[in-house]
Amino acid sequence: MNSQSSFYKLTNKWLKSIDLVNIFLLLFLIILGILSVTSASPSVAKLKGLGEFHFIKKHYFFVVVSITTMLVFSLFSMKGIINISYLGFFVFYIFLLIFLASTYESNGAVRWIKVAG
């Protein structure tokens, strides 16, 4: 029973530390995105010669990744998030330098880096 009460304490502490309004608004936008992709992408996928659910599966994968990332970062302290932001700054600064050195064009759009297709 002690571990169960500590879980509830941790959960209550976490719920008090996040902004529930923004979380619900983000979830609402995610749901709208899922609806849009589900209704529009099968015809585009057929035109490009891909499977009918190619873009839907891809979108669902990134929805799961983004929600997981959001939950993980919500568990960090403010000091931890600041330290991670420094790391992110340097990583994306290096990406910016790589972009200036080389570009990749696909379907008329210039991309930063070719990553996994």
PDB file of N, CA and C in Angstrom:
ATOM      1  N   MET A   1       0.819  -1.189   0.000  1.00  0.00           N
ATOM      2  CA  MET A   1       0.000   0.000   0.000  1.00  0.00           C
ATOM      3  C   MET A   1       0.866   1.258   0.000  1.00  0.00           C
ATOM      4  N   ASN A   2       2.075   1.170   0.545  1.00  0.00           N
ATOM      5  CA  ASN A   2       2.957   2.321   0.606  1.00  0.00           C
ATOM      6  C   ASN A   2       3.415   2.752  -0.784  1.00  0.00           C
ATOM      7  N   SER A   3       3.743   1.785  -1.647  1.00  0.00           N
ATOM      8  CA  SER A   3       4.180   2.139  -2.996  1.00  0.00           C
ATOM      9  C   SER A   3       3.039   2.756  -3.796  1.00  0.00           C
ATOM     10  N   GLN A   4       1.817   2.319  -3.518  1.00  0.00           N
ATOM     11  CA  GLN A   4       0.674   2.880  -4.221  1.00  0.00           C
ATOM     12  C   GLN A   4       0.446   4.329  -3.806  1.00  0.00           C
ATOM     13  N   SER A   5       0.588   4.651  -2.523  1.00  0.00           N
ATOM     14  CA  SER A   5       0.394   6.023  -2.086  1.00  0.00           C
ATOM     15  C   SER A   5       1.517   6.920  -2.594  1.00  0.00           C
ATOM     16  N   SER A   6       2.744   6.413  -2.723  1.00  0.00           N
ATOM     17  CA  SER A   6       3.830   7.225  -3.268  1.00  0.00           C
ATOM     18  C   SER A   6       3.613   7.489  -4.758  1.00  0.00           C
ATOM     19  N   PHE A   7       3.011   6.512  -5.467  1.00  0.00           N
ATOM     20  CA  PHE A   7       2.680   6.721  -6.875  1.00  0.00           C
ATOM     21  C   PHE A   7       1.648   7.836  -7.009  1.00  0.00           C
ATOM     22  N   TYR A   8       0.634   7.833  -6.152  1.00  0.00           N
ATOM     23  CA  TYR A   8      -0.380   8.886  -6.204  1.00  0.00           C
ATOM     24  C   TYR A   8       0.213  10.243  -5.859  1.00  0.00           C
ATOM     25  N   LYS A   9       1.132  10.284  -4.902  1.00  0.00           N
ATOM     26  CA  LYS A   9       1.785  11.547  -4.561  1.00  0.00           C
ATOM     27  C   LYS A   9       2.597  12.071  -5.738  1.00  0.00           C
ATOM     28  N   LEU A  10       3.329  11.178  -6.393  1.00  0.00           N
ATOM     29  CA  LEU A  10       4.121  11.569  -7.545  1.00  0.00           C
ATOM     30  C   LEU A  10       3.225  12.045  -8.687  1.00  0.00           C
ATOM     31  N   THR A  11       2.127  11.339  -8.915  1.00  0.00           N
ATOM     32  CA  THR A  11       1.197  11.719  -9.974  1.00  0.00           C
ATOM     33  C   THR A  11       0.564  13.075  -9.675  1.00  0.00           C
ATOM     34  N   ASN A  12       0.148  13.299  -8.434  1.00  0.00           N
ATOM     35  CA  ASN A  12      -0.432  14.594  -8.072  1.00  0.00           C
ATOM     36  C   ASN A  12       0.581  15.721  -8.213  1.00  0.00           C
ATOM     37  N   LYS A  13       1.829  15.472  -7.824  1.00  0.00           N
ATOM     38  CA  LYS A  13       2.877  16.482  -7.959  1.00  0.00           C
ATOM     39  C   LYS A  13       3.107  16.810  -9.433  1.00  0.00           C
ATOM     40  N   TRP A  14       3.113  15.770 -10.288  1.00  0.00           N
ATOM     41  CA  TRP A  14       3.314  15.985 -11.715  1.00  0.00           C
ATOM     42  C   TRP A  14       2.155  16.768 -12.318  1.00  0.00           C
ATOM     43  N   LEU A  15       0.910  16.420 -11.952  1.00  0.00           N
ATOM     44  CA  LEU A  15      -0.252  17.120 -12.502  1.00  0.00           C
ATOM     45  C   LEU A  15      -0.275  18.588 -12.095  1.00  0.00           C
ATOM     46  N   LYS A  16       0.225  18.895 -10.901  1.00  0.00           N
ATOM     47  CA  LYS A  16       0.271  20.287 -10.461  1.00  0.00           C
ATOM     48  C   LYS A  16       1.380  21.066 -11.145  1.00  0.00           C
ATOM     49  N   SER A  17       2.398  20.371 -11.658  1.00  0.00           N
ATOM     50  CA  SER A  17       3.543  21.063 -12.254  1.00  0.00           C
ATOM     51  C   SER A  17       3.359  21.361 -13.741  1.00  0.00           C
ATOM     52  N   ILE A  18       2.385  20.753 -14.409  1.00  0.00           N
ATOM     53  CA  ILE A  18       2.198  20.976 -15.843  1.00  0.00           C
ATOM     54  C   ILE A  18       1.038  21.932 -16.068  1.00  0.00           C
ATOM     55  N   ASP A  19       1.003  22.498 -17.266  1.00  0.00           N
ATOM     56  CA  ASP A  19      -0.078  23.397 -17.648  1.00  0.00           C
ATOM     57  C   ASP A  19      -1.135  22.575 -18.398  1.00  0.00           C
ATOM     58  N   LEU A  20      -2.191  22.229 -17.707  1.00  0.00           N
ATOM     59  CA  LEU A  20      -3.207  21.341 -18.285  1.00  0.00           C
ATOM     60  C   LEU A  20      -3.923  21.960 -19.482  1.00  0.00           C
ATOM     61  N   VAL A  21      -4.107  23.275 -19.484  1.00  0.00           N
ATOM     62  CA  VAL A  21      -4.785  23.924 -20.604  1.00  0.00           C
ATOM     63  C   VAL A  21      -3.962  23.735 -21.877  1.00  0.00           C
ATOM     64  N   ASN A  22      -2.654  23.981 -21.794  1.00  0.00           N
ATOM     65  CA  ASN A  22      -1.811  23.800 -22.983  1.00  0.00           C
ATOM     66  C   ASN A  22      -1.749  22.342 -23.414  1.00  0.00           C
ATOM     67  N   ILE A  23      -1.712  21.428 -22.467  1.00  0.00           N
ATOM     68  CA  ILE A  23      -1.695  20.005 -22.811  1.00  0.00           C
ATOM     69  C   ILE A  23      -2.957  19.629 -23.577  1.00  0.00           C
ATOM     70  N   PHE A  24      -4.114  20.069 -23.085  1.00  0.00           N
ATOM     71  CA  PHE A  24      -5.361  19.742 -23.771  1.00  0.00           C
ATOM     72  C   PHE A  24      -5.447  20.419 -25.135  1.00  0.00           C
ATOM     73  N   LEU A  25      -4.934  21.647 -25.263  1.00  0.00           N
ATOM     74  CA  LEU A  25      -4.929  22.306 -26.567  1.00  0.00           C
ATOM     75  C   LEU A  25      -4.011  21.581 -27.549  1.00  0.00           C
ATOM     76  N   LEU A  26      -2.857  21.128 -27.075  1.00  0.00           N
ATOM     77  CA  LEU A  26      -1.968  20.349 -27.938  1.00  0.00           C
ATOM     78  C   LEU A  26      -2.603  19.035 -28.362  1.00  0.00           C
ATOM     79  N   LEU A  27      -3.261  18.364 -27.439  1.00  0.00           N
ATOM     80  CA  LEU A  27      -3.949  17.115 -27.786  1.00  0.00           C
ATOM     81  C   LEU A  27      -5.075  17.370 -28.788  1.00  0.00           C
ATOM     82  N   PHE A  28      -5.766  18.497 -28.650  1.00  0.00           N
ATOM     83  CA  PHE A  28      -6.812  18.860 -29.600  1.00  0.00           C
ATOM     84  C   PHE A  28      -6.220  19.063 -30.996  1.00  0.00           C
ATOM     85  N   LEU A  29      -5.069  19.757 -31.076  1.00  0.00           N
ATOM     86  CA  LEU A  29      -4.417  19.952 -32.369  1.00  0.00           C
ATOM     87  C   LEU A  29      -3.934  18.632 -32.959  1.00  0.00           C
ATOM     88  N   ILE A  30      -3.449  17.741 -32.103  1.00  0.00           N
ATOM     89  CA  ILE A  30      -3.013  16.426 -32.579  1.00  0.00           C
ATOM     90  C   ILE A  30      -4.193  15.661 -33.155  1.00  0.00           C
ATOM     91  N   ILE A  31      -5.331  15.716 -32.496  1.00  0.00           N
ATOM     92  CA  ILE A  31      -6.526  15.029 -32.994  1.00  0.00           C
ATOM     93  C   ILE A  31      -6.983  15.617 -34.326  1.00  0.00           C
ATOM     94  N   LEU A  32      -6.943  16.951 -34.443  1.00  0.00           N
ATOM     95  CA  LEU A  32      -7.295  17.578 -35.723  1.00  0.00           C
ATOM     96  C   LEU A  32      -6.330  17.148 -36.828  1.00  0.00           C
ATOM     97  N   GLY A  33      -5.055  17.057 -36.505  1.00  0.00           N
ATOM     98  CA  GLY A  33      -4.075  16.603 -37.483  1.00  0.00           C
ATOM     99  C   GLY A  33      -4.319  15.168 -37.914  1.00  0.00           C
ATOM    100  N   ILE A  34      -4.659  14.315 -36.959  1.00  0.00           N
ATOM    101  CA  ILE A  34      -4.958  12.916 -37.282  1.00  0.00           C
ATOM    102  C   ILE A  34      -6.174  12.838 -38.210  1.00  0.00           C
ATOM    103  N   LEU A  35      -7.199  13.612 -37.905  1.00  0.00           N
ATOM    104  CA  LEU A  35      -8.391  13.615 -38.766  1.00  0.00           C
ATOM    105  C   LEU A  35      -8.070  14.116 -40.168  1.00  0.00           C
ATOM    106  N   SER A  36      -7.270  15.165 -40.262  1.00  0.00           N
ATOM    107  CA  SER A  36      -6.925  15.716 -41.576  1.00  0.00           C
ATOM    108  C   SER A  36      -6.104  14.730 -42.397  1.00  0.00           C
ATOM    109  N   VAL A  37      -5.101  14.134 -41.769  1.00  0.00           N
ATOM    110  CA  VAL A  37      -4.248  13.189 -42.492  1.00  0.00           C
ATOM    111  C   VAL A  37      -5.046  11.951 -42.891  1.00  0.00           C
ATOM    112  N   THR A  38      -5.914  11.486 -42.008  1.00  0.00           N
ATOM    113  CA  THR A  38      -6.702  10.292 -42.310  1.00  0.00           C
ATOM    114  C   THR A  38      -7.650  10.524 -43.482  1.00  0.00           C
ATOM    115  N   SER A  39      -8.183  11.727 -43.592  1.00  0.00           N
ATOM    116  CA  SER A  39      -9.136  11.974 -44.677  1.00  0.00           C
ATOM    117  C   SER A  39      -8.466  12.359 -45.992  1.00  0.00           C
ATOM    118  N   ALA A  40      -7.301  12.995 -45.946  1.00  0.00           N
ATOM    119  CA  ALA A  40      -6.711  13.527 -47.172  1.00  0.00           C
ATOM    120  C   ALA A  40      -5.595  12.675 -47.761  1.00  0.00           C
ATOM    121  N   SER A  41      -4.899  11.910 -46.960  1.00  0.00           N
ATOM    122  CA  SER A  41      -3.671  11.286 -47.461  1.00  0.00           C
ATOM    123  C   SER A  41      -3.834  10.048 -48.342  1.00  0.00           C
ATOM    124  N   PRO A  42      -4.889   9.244 -48.243  1.00  0.00           N
ATOM    125  CA  PRO A  42      -4.946   8.066 -49.129  1.00  0.00           C
ATOM    126  C   PRO A  42      -4.904   8.408 -50.618  1.00  0.00           C
ATOM    127  N   SER A  43      -5.580   9.459 -51.032  1.00  0.00           N
ATOM    128  CA  SER A  43      -5.566   9.813 -52.455  1.00  0.00           C
ATOM    129  C   SER A  43      -4.193  10.327 -52.880  1.00  0.00           C
ATOM    130  N   VAL A  44      -3.523  11.079 -52.027  1.00  0.00           N
ATOM    131  CA  VAL A  44      -2.180  11.569 -52.351  1.00  0.00           C
ATOM    132  C   VAL A  44      -1.199  10.410 -52.405  1.00  0.00           C
ATOM    133  N   ALA A  45      -1.337   9.458 -51.500  1.00  0.00           N
ATOM    134  CA  ALA A  45      -0.457   8.296 -51.497  1.00  0.00           C
ATOM    135  C   ALA A  45      -0.629   7.475 -52.771  1.00  0.00           C
ATOM    136  N   LYS A  46      -1.855   7.341 -53.247  1.00  0.00           N
ATOM    137  CA  LYS A  46      -2.091   6.610 -54.491  1.00  0.00           C
ATOM    138  C   LYS A  46      -1.438   7.327 -55.676  1.00  0.00           C
ATOM    139  N   LEU A  47      -1.519   8.669 -55.687  1.00  0.00           N
ATOM    140  CA  LEU A  47      -0.909   9.436 -56.769  1.00  0.00           C
ATOM    141  C   LEU A  47       0.611   9.268 -56.788  1.00  0.00           C
ATOM    142  N   LYS A  48       1.210   9.135 -55.631  1.00  0.00           N
ATOM    143  CA  LYS A  48       2.661   8.986 -55.542  1.00  0.00           C
ATOM    144  C   LYS A  48       3.105   7.531 -55.658  1.00  0.00           C
ATOM    145  N   GLY A  49       2.150   6.611 -55.802  1.00  0.00           N
ATOM    146  CA  GLY A  49       2.488   5.210 -55.967  1.00  0.00           C
ATOM    147  C   GLY A  49       2.871   4.517 -54.673  1.00  0.00           C
ATOM    148  N   LEU A  50       2.414   5.038 -53.557  1.00  0.00           N
ATOM    149  CA  LEU A  50       2.701   4.448 -52.250  1.00  0.00           C
ATOM    150  C   LEU A  50       1.480   3.679 -51.769  1.00  0.00           C
ATOM    151  N   GLY A  51       1.642   2.980 -50.657  1.00  0.00           N
ATOM    152  CA  GLY A  51       0.501   2.293 -50.067  1.00  0.00           C
ATOM    153  C   GLY A  51      -0.539   3.305 -49.591  1.00  0.00           C
ATOM    154  N   GLU A  52      -1.770   2.864 -49.567  1.00  0.00           N
ATOM    155  CA  GLU A  52      -2.873   3.775 -49.239  1.00  0.00           C
ATOM    156  C   GLU A  52      -2.725   4.399 -47.849  1.00  0.00           C
ATOM    157  N   PHE A  53      -2.157   3.660 -46.905  1.00  0.00           N
ATOM    158  CA  PHE A  53      -2.035   4.152 -45.539  1.00  0.00           C
ATOM    159  C   PHE A  53      -0.623   4.600 -45.187  1.00  0.00           C
ATOM    160  N   HIS A  54       0.211   4.870 -46.187  1.00  0.00           N
ATOM    161  CA  HIS A  54       1.599   5.238 -45.943  1.00  0.00           C
ATOM    162  C   HIS A  54       1.722   6.482 -45.065  1.00  0.00           C
ATOM    163  N   PHE A  55       1.049   7.559 -45.443  1.00  0.00           N
ATOM    164  CA  PHE A  55       1.160   8.814 -44.696  1.00  0.00           C
ATOM    165  C   PHE A  55       0.444   8.736 -43.351  1.00  0.00           C
ATOM    166  N   ILE A  56      -0.601   7.945 -43.275  1.00  0.00           N
ATOM    167  CA  ILE A  56      -1.323   7.798 -42.002  1.00  0.00           C
ATOM    168  C   ILE A  56      -0.439   7.093 -40.983  1.00  0.00           C
ATOM    169  N   LYS A  57       0.207   5.994 -41.407  1.00  0.00           N
ATOM    170  CA  LYS A  57       1.112   5.276 -40.502  1.00  0.00           C
ATOM    171  C   LYS A  57       2.261   6.162 -40.063  1.00  0.00           C
ATOM    172  N   LYS A  58       2.807   6.936 -40.985  1.00  0.00           N
ATOM    173  CA  LYS A  58       3.903   7.834 -40.672  1.00  0.00           C
ATOM    174  C   LYS A  58       3.455   8.902 -39.670  1.00  0.00           C
ATOM    175  N   HIS A  59       2.276   9.448 -39.872  1.00  0.00           N
ATOM    176  CA  HIS A  59       1.753  10.471 -38.970  1.00  0.00           C
ATOM    177  C   HIS A  59       1.496   9.888 -37.576  1.00  0.00           C
ATOM    178  N   TYR A  60       0.920   8.722 -37.510  1.00  0.00           N
ATOM    179  CA  TYR A  60       0.673   8.090 -36.209  1.00  0.00           C
ATOM    180  C   TYR A  60       1.975   7.814 -35.464  1.00  0.00           C
ATOM    181  N   PHE A  61       3.006   7.384 -36.201  1.00  0.00           N
ATOM    182  CA  PHE A  61       4.302   7.156 -35.569  1.00  0.00           C
ATOM    183  C   PHE A  61       4.816   8.440 -34.924  1.00  0.00           C
ATOM    184  N   PHE A  62       4.751   9.553 -35.655  1.00  0.00           N
ATOM    185  CA  PHE A  62       5.252  10.811 -35.110  1.00  0.00           C
ATOM    186  C   PHE A  62       4.358  11.363 -34.007  1.00  0.00           C
ATOM    187  N   VAL A  63       3.081  11.046 -34.026  1.00  0.00           N
ATOM    188  CA  VAL A  63       2.201  11.437 -32.919  1.00  0.00           C
ATOM    189  C   VAL A  63       2.628  10.730 -31.639  1.00  0.00           C
ATOM    190  N   VAL A  64       2.906   9.433 -31.744  1.00  0.00           N
ATOM    191  CA  VAL A  64       3.345   8.669 -30.566  1.00  0.00           C
ATOM    192  C   VAL A  64       4.684   9.202 -30.062  1.00  0.00           C
ATOM    193  N   VAL A  65       5.611   9.472 -30.978  1.00  0.00           N
ATOM    194  CA  VAL A  65       6.920  10.004 -30.588  1.00  0.00           C
ATOM    195  C   VAL A  65       6.771  11.362 -29.910  1.00  0.00           C
ATOM    196  N   SER A  66       5.929  12.228 -30.456  1.00  0.00           N
ATOM    197  CA  SER A  66       5.780  13.571 -29.882  1.00  0.00           C
ATOM    198  C   SER A  66       5.100  13.549 -28.521  1.00  0.00           C
ATOM    199  N   ILE A  67       4.092  12.717 -28.342  1.00  0.00           N
ATOM    200  CA  ILE A  67       3.431  12.635 -27.032  1.00  0.00           C
ATOM    201  C   ILE A  67       4.381  12.044 -25.998  1.00  0.00           C
ATOM    202  N   THR A  68       5.139  11.027 -26.393  1.00  0.00           N
ATOM    203  CA  THR A  68       6.120  10.447 -25.472  1.00  0.00           C
ATOM    204  C   THR A  68       7.177  11.475 -25.082  1.00  0.00           C
ATOM    205  N   THR A  69       7.674  12.225 -26.049  1.00  0.00           N
ATOM    206  CA  THR A  69       8.666  13.264 -25.771  1.00  0.00           C
ATOM    207  C   THR A  69       8.095  14.327 -24.847  1.00  0.00           C
ATOM    208  N   MET A  70       6.857  14.715 -25.089  1.00  0.00           N
ATOM    209  CA  MET A  70       6.213  15.719 -24.251  1.00  0.00           C
ATOM    210  C   MET A  70       6.092  15.226 -22.809  1.00  0.00           C
ATOM    211  N   LEU A  71       5.710  13.975 -22.633  1.00  0.00           N
ATOM    212  CA  LEU A  71       5.583  13.423 -21.285  1.00  0.00           C
ATOM    213  C   LEU A  71       6.938  13.302 -20.593  1.00  0.00           C
ATOM    214  N   VAL A  72       7.956  12.876 -21.326  1.00  0.00           N
ATOM    215  CA  VAL A  72       9.288  12.736 -20.727  1.00  0.00           C
ATOM    216  C   VAL A  72       9.827  14.094 -20.286  1.00  0.00           C
ATOM    217  N   PHE A  73       9.699  15.100 -21.142  1.00  0.00           N
ATOM    218  CA  PHE A  73      10.212  16.422 -20.784  1.00  0.00           C
ATOM    219  C   PHE A  73       9.410  17.064 -19.660  1.00  0.00           C
ATOM    220  N   SER A  74       8.163  16.697 -19.502  1.00  0.00           N
ATOM    221  CA  SER A  74       7.374  17.260 -18.408  1.00  0.00           C
ATOM    222  C   SER A  74       7.814  16.730 -17.048  1.00  0.00           C
ATOM    223  N   LEU A  75       8.563  15.629 -17.042  1.00  0.00           N
ATOM    224  CA  LEU A  75       9.054  15.060 -15.790  1.00  0.00           C
ATOM    225  C   LEU A  75      10.365  15.700 -15.326  1.00  0.00           C
ATOM    226  N   PHE A  76      11.043  16.456 -16.207  1.00  0.00           N
ATOM    227  CA  PHE A  76      12.322  17.073 -15.852  1.00  0.00           C
ATOM    228  C   PHE A  76      12.115  18.313 -14.998  1.00  0.00           C
ATOM    229  N   SER A  77      13.131  18.629 -14.213  1.00  0.00           N
ATOM    230  CA  SER A  77      13.119  19.880 -13.458  1.00  0.00           C
ATOM    231  C   SER A  77      13.477  21.024 -14.404  1.00  0.00           C
ATOM    232  N   MET A  78      13.293  22.254 -13.929  1.00  0.00           N
ATOM    233  CA  MET A  78      13.610  23.409 -14.754  1.00  0.00           C
ATOM    234  C   MET A  78      15.110  23.448 -15.073  1.00  0.00           C
ATOM    235  N   LYS A  79      15.943  23.103 -14.105  1.00  0.00           N
ATOM    236  CA  LYS A  79      17.390  23.089 -14.326  1.00  0.00           C
ATOM    237  C   LYS A  79      17.768  22.038 -15.376  1.00  0.00           C
ATOM    238  N   GLY A  80      17.122  20.878 -15.334  1.00  0.00           N
ATOM    239  CA  GLY A  80      17.383  19.838 -16.318  1.00  0.00           C
ATOM    240  C   GLY A  80      16.990  20.266 -17.718  1.00  0.00           C
ATOM    241  N   ILE A  81      15.867  20.957 -17.856  1.00  0.00           N
ATOM    242  CA  ILE A  81      15.418  21.424 -19.167  1.00  0.00           C
ATOM    243  C   ILE A  81      16.377  22.480 -19.710  1.00  0.00           C
ATOM    244  N   ILE A  82      16.879  23.359 -18.835  1.00  0.00           N
ATOM    245  CA  ILE A  82      17.844  24.374 -19.277  1.00  0.00           C
ATOM    246  C   ILE A  82      19.126  23.714 -19.759  1.00  0.00           C
ATOM    247  N   ASN A  83      19.603  22.695 -19.038  1.00  0.00           N
ATOM    248  CA  ASN A  83      20.814  21.994 -19.468  1.00  0.00           C
ATOM    249  C   ASN A  83      20.610  21.288 -20.804  1.00  0.00           C
ATOM    250  N   ILE A  84      19.467  20.673 -21.003  1.00  0.00           N
ATOM    251  CA  ILE A  84      19.170  20.005 -22.263  1.00  0.00           C
ATOM    252  C   ILE A  84      19.048  21.026 -23.393  1.00  0.00           C
ATOM    253  N   SER A  85      18.546  22.217 -23.090  1.00  0.00           N
ATOM    254  CA  SER A  85      18.416  23.241 -24.124  1.00  0.00           C
ATOM    255  C   SER A  85      19.784  23.694 -24.630  1.00  0.00           C
ATOM    256  N   TYR A  86      20.789  23.726 -23.766  1.00  0.00           N
ATOM    257  CA  TYR A  86      22.141  24.045 -24.230  1.00  0.00           C
ATOM    258  C   TYR A  86      22.638  22.983 -25.206  1.00  0.00           C
ATOM    259  N   LEU A  87      22.418  21.736 -24.879  1.00  0.00           N
ATOM    260  CA  LEU A  87      22.808  20.645 -25.771  1.00  0.00           C
ATOM    261  C   LEU A  87      22.080  20.771 -27.109  1.00  0.00           C
ATOM    262  N   GLY A  88      20.769  21.028 -27.061  1.00  0.00           N
ATOM    263  CA  GLY A  88      19.983  21.195 -28.280  1.00  0.00           C
ATOM    264  C   GLY A  88      20.469  22.363 -29.123  1.00  0.00           C
ATOM    265  N   PHE A  89      20.862  23.456 -28.465  1.00  0.00           N
ATOM    266  CA  PHE A  89      21.374  24.611 -29.194  1.00  0.00           C
ATOM    267  C   PHE A  89      22.610  24.239 -30.000  1.00  0.00           C
ATOM    268  N   PHE A  90      23.558  23.547 -29.380  1.00  0.00           N
ATOM    269  CA  PHE A  90      24.794  23.186 -30.082  1.00  0.00           C
ATOM    270  C   PHE A  90      24.543  22.175 -31.194  1.00  0.00           C
ATOM    271  N   VAL A  91      23.661  21.218 -30.974  1.00  0.00           N
ATOM    272  CA  VAL A  91      23.358  20.223 -32.007  1.00  0.00           C
ATOM    273  C   VAL A  91      22.736  20.902 -33.225  1.00  0.00           C
ATOM    274  N   PHE A  92      21.771  21.778 -33.013  1.00  0.00           N
ATOM    275  CA  PHE A  92      21.112  22.423 -34.141  1.00  0.00           C
ATOM    276  C   PHE A  92      21.979  23.495 -34.785  1.00  0.00           C
ATOM    277  N   TYR A  93      22.915  24.057 -34.046  1.00  0.00           N
ATOM    278  CA  TYR A  93      23.884  24.972 -34.633  1.00  0.00           C
ATOM    279  C   TYR A  93      24.778  24.224 -35.610  1.00  0.00           C
ATOM    280  N   ILE A  94      25.174  23.019 -35.252  1.00  0.00           N
ATOM    281  CA  ILE A  94      25.969  22.185 -36.160  1.00  0.00           C
ATOM    282  C   ILE A  94      25.147  21.822 -37.395  1.00  0.00           C
ATOM    283  N   PHE A  95      23.860  21.485 -37.212  1.00  0.00           N
ATOM    284  CA  PHE A  95      22.991  21.217 -38.356  1.00  0.00           C
ATOM    285  C   PHE A  95      22.904  22.435 -39.277  1.00  0.00           C
ATOM    286  N   LEU A  96      22.850  23.629 -38.719  1.00  0.00           N
ATOM    287  CA  LEU A  96      22.793  24.846 -39.517  1.00  0.00           C
ATOM    288  C   LEU A  96      24.058  25.010 -40.344  1.00  0.00           C
ATOM    289  N   LEU A  97      25.205  24.712 -39.757  1.00  0.00           N
ATOM    290  CA  LEU A  97      26.457  24.792 -40.496  1.00  0.00           C
ATOM    291  C   LEU A  97      26.496  23.760 -41.617  1.00  0.00           C
ATOM    292  N   ILE A  98      25.982  22.566 -41.372  1.00  0.00           N
ATOM    293  CA  ILE A  98      25.925  21.534 -42.411  1.00  0.00           C
ATOM    294  C   ILE A  98      24.999  21.990 -43.541  1.00  0.00           C
ATOM    295  N   PHE A  99      23.899  22.625 -43.201  1.00  0.00           N
ATOM    296  CA  PHE A  99      22.961  23.110 -44.212  1.00  0.00           C
ATOM    297  C   PHE A  99      23.613  24.149 -45.109  1.00  0.00           C
ATOM    298  N   LEU A 100      24.403  25.026 -44.523  1.00  0.00           N
ATOM    299  CA  LEU A 100      25.068  26.040 -45.330  1.00  0.00           C
ATOM    300  C   LEU A 100      26.078  25.422 -46.290  1.00  0.00           C
ATOM    301  N   ALA A 101      26.665  24.297 -45.910  1.00  0.00           N
ATOM    302  CA  ALA A 101      27.669  23.643 -46.742  1.00  0.00           C
ATOM    303  C   ALA A 101      27.032  22.836 -47.874  1.00  0.00           C
ATOM    304  N   SER A 102      25.888  22.196 -47.632  1.00  0.00           N
ATOM    305  CA  SER A 102      25.282  21.368 -48.671  1.00  0.00           C
ATOM    306  C   SER A 102      23.776  21.370 -48.519  1.00  0.00           C
ATOM    307  N   THR A 103      23.094  21.240 -49.658  1.00  0.00           N
ATOM    308  CA  THR A 103      21.625  21.166 -49.644  1.00  0.00           C
ATOM    309  C   THR A 103      21.200  19.965 -50.470  1.00  0.00           C
ATOM    310  N   TYR A 104      19.967  19.545 -50.247  1.00  0.00           N
ATOM    311  CA  TYR A 104      19.397  18.405 -50.941  1.00  0.00           C
ATOM    312  C   TYR A 104      18.046  18.832 -51.486  1.00  0.00           C
ATOM    313  N   GLU A 105      17.821  18.640 -52.787  1.00  0.00           N
ATOM    314  CA  GLU A 105      16.564  19.050 -53.391  1.00  0.00           C
ATOM    315  C   GLU A 105      15.699  17.829 -53.672  1.00  0.00           C
ATOM    316  N   SER A 106      14.421  17.907 -53.238  1.00  0.00           N
ATOM    317  CA  SER A 106      13.474  16.831 -53.468  1.00  0.00           C
ATOM    318  C   SER A 106      12.120  17.428 -53.819  1.00  0.00           C
ATOM    319  N   ASN A 107      11.596  17.095 -54.975  1.00  0.00           N
ATOM    320  CA  ASN A 107      10.307  17.608 -55.454  1.00  0.00           C
ATOM    321  C   ASN A 107      10.260  19.130 -55.468  1.00  0.00           C
ATOM    322  N   GLY A 108      11.370  19.762 -55.788  1.00  0.00           N
ATOM    323  CA  GLY A 108      11.419  21.211 -55.880  1.00  0.00           C
ATOM    324  C   GLY A 108      11.666  21.918 -54.564  1.00  0.00           C
ATOM    325  N   ALA A 109      11.733  21.191 -53.469  1.00  0.00           N
ATOM    326  CA  ALA A 109      11.975  21.810 -52.160  1.00  0.00           C
ATOM    327  C   ALA A 109      13.408  21.510 -51.737  1.00  0.00           C
ATOM    328  N   VAL A 110      14.086  22.530 -51.234  1.00  0.00           N
ATOM    329  CA  VAL A 110      15.446  22.353 -50.749  1.00  0.00           C
ATOM    330  C   VAL A 110      15.368  21.942 -49.289  1.00  0.00           C
ATOM    331  N   ARG A 111      15.994  20.821 -48.960  1.00  0.00           N
ATOM    332  CA  ARG A 111      15.941  20.284 -47.621  1.00  0.00           C
ATOM    333  C   ARG A 111      17.290  20.480 -46.943  1.00  0.00           C
ATOM    334  N   TRP A 112      17.266  20.459 -45.627  1.00  0.00           N
ATOM    335  CA  TRP A 112      18.495  20.631 -44.864  1.00  0.00           C
ATOM    336  C   TRP A 112      19.427  19.456 -45.091  1.00  0.00           C
ATOM    337  N   ILE A 113      18.955  18.290 -44.665  1.00  0.00           N
ATOM    338  CA  ILE A 113      19.772  17.092 -44.699  1.00  0.00           C
ATOM    339  C   ILE A 113      18.864  15.944 -45.116  1.00  0.00           C
ATOM    340  N   LYS A 114      19.377  15.032 -45.910  1.00  0.00           N
ATOM    341  CA  LYS A 114      18.589  13.863 -46.281  1.00  0.00           C
ATOM    342  C   LYS A 114      18.662  12.869 -45.116  1.00  0.00           C
ATOM    343  N   VAL A 115      17.517  12.657 -44.458  1.00  0.00           N
ATOM    344  CA  VAL A 115      17.446  11.765 -43.306  1.00  0.00           C
ATOM    345  C   VAL A 115      16.404  10.697 -43.591  1.00  0.00           C
ATOM    346  N   ALA A 116      16.818   9.469 -43.691  1.00  0.00           N
ATOM    347  CA  ALA A 116      15.934   8.303 -43.807  1.00  0.00           C
ATOM    348  C   ALA A 116      14.849   8.493 -44.873  1.00  0.00           C
ATOM    349  N   GLY A 117      15.233   8.871 -46.048  1.00  0.00           N
ATOM    350  CA  GLY A 117      14.286   8.965 -47.148  1.00  0.00           C
ATOM    351  C   GLY A 117      13.562  10.269 -47.167  1.00  0.00           C
TER     352      GLY A 117
END
